Amino acid sequence: MLATGALAAAPAQAATAPSIVAKGGYVMNNATAKTLYTKAADTKRSTGSTTKIMTAKVVLAQSNLNLDKKVTIQKAYSDYIVANNASQAHLIVGDKVTVRQLLYGLMLPSGCDAAYALADTYGTGSTRAARVKSFISKMNKAATDLGLRNTKFDSFDGIGNGNNYSTPRDLTKIASSAMKNSTFRTVVKTKKYTAKTITKTGSTRTMAAWTNTNGLLSSYSGTIGVKTGSGPEAKYCLVFAATRNGKTVIGTVLASTSIAQREADAKKLLNYGFATIG
């Protein structure tokens, strides 16, 4: 009987660490921050749009934040999208968009135009360049405040200038910290969102719906976030989190080979994480 009891208790410990295609991976128990899986977890890599997790975190940390504050979309934001062939929320110059809507535009379709608008709004300085620089400084300070030594931002959206990097472990910690904010949690688990903006003439524009680029929300039960990323250097990245039986597993894969593969990698790591924490 004793032997049987020992065997019955074994499965929680018996899960075999999976093999993933992504060059880097990390998973932790969100409640305890206990590490559950690592693969090159502290190797610095380009992070693509997973950078936007920190963008949102910095915005949401502003004192006396008014999510209903209206931001007027500037031509500079759309020019930036065109110049960089960047992912966008298709914001229209002259429209007034709330900060809450910008956060959805940032995190669901991964809008670099929304990122620019937020950086311009929440940085300080007399010129747009100064405000953007100030906002990126806030991103770096937030990383330092979290004790992260392998993370550096030189952009508000992941379109870096050669000095925008993090690691699977650091990104997971950034996401875990961001998930403490209820607005952030609501945004990143939303599959579709339709913004109604105010046009130059004062009428209401119903934007085309923004669809979340995180396929796990539809394909992995319990998924609650977080953010995709991709780029020529970053390849395919995904910061992910799911809750099952009251337990939350959160993690990151960096430099996978395709959208489908990063999701397959993440599912393997989530399954392993849940099996390990039992």
Protein backbone atom coordinates (compact mmCIF):
# COMPACT_ATOMS: atom_id res chain seq x y z
CA MET A 1 0.00 0.00 0.00
CA LEU A 2 2.85 2.39 0.81
CA ALA A 3 4.36 1.85 -2.61
CA THR A 4 1.05 2.63 -4.27
CA GLY A 5 0.74 5.84 -2.26
CA ALA A 6 4.20 6.94 -3.32
CA LEU A 7 3.39 6.24 -6.95
CA ALA A 8 0.13 8.15 -6.70
CA ALA A 9 2.01 11.21 -5.50
CA ALA A 10 4.63 10.99 -8.22
CA PRO A 11 3.00 12.60 -11.30
CA ALA A 12 3.41 16.17 -10.00
CA GLN A 13 7.17 15.58 -9.87
CA ALA A 14 7.39 13.35 -12.92
CA ALA A 15 6.72 15.91 -15.65
CA THR A 16 9.62 15.94 -18.10
CA ALA A 17 10.96 19.35 -19.08
CA PRO A 18 9.88 19.97 -22.67
CA SER A 19 12.07 20.77 -25.64
CA ILE A 20 11.17 24.06 -27.34
CA VAL A 21 12.25 25.56 -30.66
CA ALA A 22 12.56 29.09 -29.24
CA LYS A 23 16.14 30.04 -28.38
CA GLY A 24 15.13 31.29 -24.94
CA GLY A 25 12.42 30.38 -22.48
CA TYR A 26 11.41 30.93 -18.88
CA VAL A 27 8.39 29.99 -16.77
CA MET A 28 7.51 30.77 -13.18
CA ASN A 29 4.73 30.33 -10.66
CA ASN A 30 3.18 33.81 -10.70
CA ALA A 31 2.12 33.67 -7.05
CA THR A 32 5.50 32.70 -5.60
CA ALA A 33 7.91 33.76 -8.40
CA LYS A 34 9.37 30.25 -8.17
CA THR A 35 11.23 29.27 -11.34
CA LEU A 36 9.68 26.27 -13.12
CA TYR A 37 11.62 26.16 -16.40
CA THR A 38 14.65 27.82 -17.99
CA LYS A 39 16.33 27.77 -21.37
CA ALA A 40 18.95 30.48 -21.91
CA ALA A 41 16.75 32.44 -19.51
CA ASP A 42 19.32 35.17 -18.88
CA THR A 43 20.61 35.56 -22.43
CA LYS A 44 19.90 39.08 -23.75
CA ARG A 45 17.86 39.17 -26.95
CA SER A 46 15.86 41.60 -29.02
CA THR A 47 12.29 41.54 -27.73
CA GLY A 48 10.21 43.05 -30.53
CA SER A 49 6.80 44.29 -29.41
CA THR A 50 6.91 42.50 -26.06
CA THR A 51 8.62 45.81 -25.18
CA LYS A 52 5.09 47.27 -25.12
CA ILE A 53 4.37 45.46 -21.84
CA MET A 54 6.72 47.96 -20.19
CA THR A 55 5.19 50.83 -22.19
CA ALA A 56 1.79 49.98 -20.73
CA LYS A 57 3.22 49.42 -17.25
CA VAL A 58 4.85 52.86 -17.21
CA VAL A 59 1.64 54.57 -18.37
CA LEU A 60 -0.45 52.74 -15.77
CA ALA A 61 2.01 53.70 -13.02
CA GLN A 62 1.50 57.45 -13.59
CA SER A 63 0.14 59.24 -10.53
CA ASN A 64 -3.45 60.46 -10.85
CA LEU A 65 -3.81 58.63 -14.16
CA ASN A 66 -7.02 59.50 -16.00
CA LEU A 67 -7.83 56.67 -18.41
CA ASP A 68 -10.51 58.83 -20.03
CA LYS A 69 -8.06 61.65 -20.86
CA LYS A 70 -8.25 62.40 -24.59
CA VAL A 71 -5.12 62.42 -26.73
CA THR A 72 -5.12 64.03 -30.17
CA ILE A 73 -3.44 61.83 -32.77
CA GLN A 74 -0.54 63.68 -34.44
CA LYS A 75 0.75 63.32 -37.99
CA ALA A 76 4.16 62.38 -36.53
CA TYR A 77 2.66 59.13 -35.26
CA SER A 78 1.39 58.04 -38.66
CA ASP A 79 4.59 59.22 -40.38
CA TYR A 80 6.53 57.02 -37.95
CA ILE A 81 4.39 53.98 -38.85
CA VAL A 82 5.00 54.53 -42.57
CA ALA A 83 8.75 55.13 -42.14
CA ASN A 84 9.20 51.94 -40.11
CA ASN A 85 6.56 49.76 -41.80
CA ALA A 86 5.37 49.15 -38.25
CA SER A 87 2.37 47.31 -36.82
CA GLN A 88 -0.41 49.78 -36.15
CA ALA A 89 -3.81 50.48 -34.61
CA HIS A 90 -4.72 52.57 -37.70
CA LEU A 91 -5.24 55.69 -35.58
CA ILE A 92 -6.38 58.66 -37.63
CA VAL A 93 -4.60 62.02 -37.46
CA GLY A 94 -6.72 64.61 -35.67
CA ASP A 95 -8.90 62.07 -33.86
CA LYS A 96 -9.20 62.32 -30.09
CA VAL A 97 -8.55 58.94 -28.49
CA THR A 98 -8.73 58.14 -24.78
CA VAL A 99 -5.73 56.75 -22.90
CA ARG A 100 -7.76 53.60 -22.20
CA GLN A 101 -8.36 53.15 -25.95
CA LEU A 102 -4.67 53.76 -26.65
CA LEU A 103 -3.79 50.94 -24.24
CA TYR A 104 -6.05 48.57 -26.19
CA GLY A 105 -4.54 49.85 -29.45
CA LEU A 106 -1.08 49.25 -27.98
CA MET A 107 -1.63 45.72 -26.67
CA LEU A 108 -4.14 44.07 -29.05
CA PRO A 109 -3.04 44.95 -32.63
CA SER A 110 0.37 45.98 -31.22
CA GLY A 111 -0.01 49.52 -32.49
CA CYS A 112 3.27 51.42 -32.66
CA ASP A 113 1.18 54.53 -33.35
CA ALA A 114 -0.58 54.01 -30.00
CA ALA A 115 2.82 53.47 -28.34
CA TYR A 116 4.12 56.74 -29.79
CA ALA A 117 1.01 58.62 -28.65
CA LEU A 118 1.40 57.28 -25.10
CA ALA A 119 5.14 58.04 -24.95
CA ASP A 120 4.51 61.57 -26.25
CA THR A 121 1.73 62.08 -23.69
CA TYR A 122 3.48 60.69 -20.61
CA GLY A 123 7.04 61.81 -21.23
CA THR A 124 8.09 65.30 -20.08
CA GLY A 125 9.77 67.98 -22.14
CA SER A 126 9.09 70.89 -24.47
CA THR A 127 9.64 68.91 -27.68
CA ARG A 128 8.28 65.57 -28.86
CA ALA A 129 11.81 64.14 -29.03
CA ALA A 130 12.46 65.21 -25.43
CA ARG A 131 9.18 63.70 -24.24
CA VAL A 132 9.88 60.39 -25.97
CA LYS A 133 13.39 60.27 -24.50
CA SER A 134 11.97 61.02 -21.06
CA PHE A 135 9.37 58.24 -21.41
CA ILE A 136 12.03 55.69 -22.42
CA SER A 137 14.01 56.77 -19.34
CA LYS A 138 10.95 55.94 -17.24
CA MET A 139 10.86 52.49 -18.86
CA ASN A 140 14.48 51.91 -17.92
CA LYS A 141 13.94 53.19 -14.39
CA ALA A 142 11.01 50.79 -13.98
CA ALA A 143 13.28 47.91 -15.07
CA THR A 144 15.93 49.00 -12.57
CA ASP A 145 13.29 49.29 -9.84
CA LEU A 146 12.33 45.66 -10.51
CA GLY A 147 15.98 44.68 -10.05
CA LEU A 148 16.42 43.64 -13.67
CA ARG A 149 20.04 43.74 -14.81
CA ASN A 150 19.69 42.30 -18.32
CA THR A 151 17.06 44.65 -19.71
CA LYS A 152 17.51 47.92 -21.61
CA PHE A 153 15.05 49.95 -23.62
CA ASP A 154 15.88 52.46 -26.33
CA SER A 155 12.38 52.53 -27.82
CA PHE A 156 8.77 52.76 -26.69
CA ASP A 157 7.62 49.95 -28.97
CA GLY A 158 10.48 47.53 -29.65
CA ILE A 159 11.65 49.12 -32.88
CA GLY A 160 15.01 49.68 -31.26
CA ASN A 161 18.20 51.37 -32.30
CA GLY A 162 20.46 48.47 -31.39
CA ASN A 163 20.11 48.85 -27.63
CA ASN A 164 16.66 47.38 -26.89
CA TYR A 165 16.91 43.99 -25.24
CA SER A 166 15.75 41.79 -22.40
CA THR A 167 15.76 38.13 -21.36
CA PRO A 168 13.03 35.53 -20.88
CA ARG A 169 13.40 35.82 -17.09
CA ASP A 170 13.32 39.63 -17.05
CA LEU A 171 10.36 39.90 -19.43
CA THR A 172 8.41 37.42 -17.33
CA LYS A 173 9.09 39.53 -14.25
CA ILE A 174 8.01 42.71 -16.07
CA ALA A 175 4.78 41.01 -17.15
CA SER A 176 4.13 39.60 -13.68
CA SER A 177 4.51 43.08 -12.23
CA ALA A 178 2.26 44.62 -14.91
CA MET A 179 -0.41 41.97 -14.24
CA LYS A 180 -0.85 43.38 -10.73
CA ASN A 181 -2.71 46.27 -12.40
CA SER A 182 -6.39 45.50 -13.02
CA THR A 183 -6.60 47.66 -16.17
CA PHE A 184 -3.60 45.87 -17.65
CA ARG A 185 -5.16 42.48 -16.85
CA THR A 186 -8.43 43.48 -18.48
CA VAL A 187 -6.74 44.75 -21.64
CA VAL A 188 -4.40 41.81 -22.26
CA LYS A 189 -7.09 39.14 -21.93
CA THR A 190 -9.43 40.93 -24.37
CA LYS A 191 -9.71 39.18 -27.76
CA LYS A 192 -11.42 42.04 -29.64
CA TYR A 193 -12.06 45.70 -28.90
CA THR A 194 -13.85 48.40 -30.86
CA ALA A 195 -12.89 51.98 -30.06
CA LYS A 196 -15.18 54.94 -30.69
CA THR A 197 -13.04 58.02 -31.23
CA ILE A 198 -13.90 61.69 -31.67
CA THR A 199 -13.08 63.19 -35.07
CA LYS A 200 -11.76 66.69 -35.81
CA THR A 201 -15.33 67.84 -36.47
CA GLY A 202 -16.63 66.43 -33.19
CA SER A 203 -18.48 63.44 -34.61
CA THR A 204 -17.96 59.87 -33.38
CA ARG A 205 -15.89 57.46 -35.43
CA THR A 206 -16.30 53.73 -34.86
CA MET A 207 -12.90 52.21 -35.54
CA ALA A 208 -12.44 48.82 -37.15
CA ALA A 209 -12.20 46.26 -34.35
CA TRP A 210 -8.76 45.56 -32.94
CA THR A 211 -7.98 41.85 -32.67
CA ASN A 212 -5.51 40.57 -30.10
CA THR A 213 -2.41 39.09 -31.76
CA ASN A 214 -2.09 36.56 -28.91
CA GLY A 215 -3.53 33.36 -30.38
CA LEU A 216 -3.35 31.55 -27.04
CA LEU A 217 -6.44 33.46 -25.90
CA SER A 218 -8.46 31.35 -28.34
CA SER A 219 -6.45 28.14 -28.32
CA TYR A 220 -5.29 27.48 -24.74
CA SER A 221 -7.82 27.18 -21.94
CA GLY A 222 -7.23 29.58 -19.05
CA THR A 223 -5.02 32.04 -20.97
CA ILE A 224 -5.14 35.54 -19.45
CA GLY A 225 -2.44 37.33 -21.53
CA VAL A 226 0.05 38.70 -22.27
CA LYS A 227 1.80 39.98 -25.44
CA THR A 228 3.32 38.92 -28.74
CA GLY A 229 6.42 40.29 -30.38
CA SER A 230 8.23 39.80 -33.66
CA GLY A 231 10.90 41.37 -35.80
CA PRO A 232 13.83 40.60 -38.11
CA GLU A 233 16.17 40.29 -35.15
CA ALA A 234 13.69 39.25 -32.44
CA LYS A 235 12.12 36.49 -34.59
CA TYR A 236 8.87 35.36 -32.89
CA CYS A 237 8.34 36.09 -29.21
CA LEU A 238 5.49 35.54 -26.77
CA VAL A 239 5.00 36.48 -23.15
CA PHE A 240 2.17 34.30 -21.86
CA ALA A 241 0.12 33.64 -18.74
CA ALA A 242 -2.68 31.25 -17.88
CA THR A 243 -4.68 30.38 -14.78
CA ARG A 244 -6.00 26.90 -13.98
CA ASN A 245 -7.39 25.64 -10.67
CA GLY A 246 -6.56 28.97 -9.07
CA LYS A 247 -2.90 28.79 -10.02
CA THR A 248 -1.23 31.13 -12.53
CA VAL A 249 1.76 30.19 -14.65
CA ILE A 250 3.56 33.02 -16.47
CA GLY A 251 6.48 32.88 -18.87
CA THR A 252 8.23 33.96 -22.03
CA VAL A 253 9.63 32.47 -25.22
CA LEU A 254 12.06 34.52 -27.30
CA ALA A 255 13.33 33.91 -30.84
CA SER A 256 11.00 31.13 -31.94
CA THR A 257 10.67 30.43 -35.66
CA SER A 258 7.06 31.34 -36.51
CA ILE A 259 3.76 32.48 -35.02
CA ALA A 260 2.54 28.87 -34.84
CA GLN A 261 5.80 27.70 -33.30
CA ARG A 262 5.93 30.35 -30.56
CA GLU A 263 2.40 29.32 -29.58
CA ALA A 264 3.32 25.62 -29.61
CA ASP A 265 6.39 26.40 -27.48
CA ALA A 266 4.28 28.42 -25.03
CA LYS A 267 1.65 25.67 -24.71
CA LYS A 268 4.36 23.10 -23.93
CA LEU A 269 5.77 25.39 -21.25
CA LEU A 270 2.35 26.14 -19.76
CA ASN A 271 1.48 22.43 -19.62
CA TYR A 272 4.81 21.73 -17.98
CA GLY A 273 4.37 24.61 -15.55
CA PHE A 274 0.94 23.41 -14.41
CA ALA A 275 2.17 19.81 -14.13
CA THR A 276 5.12 20.98 -12.02
CA ILE A 277 3.20 23.14 -9.54
CA GLY A 278 0.51 20.42 -9.30
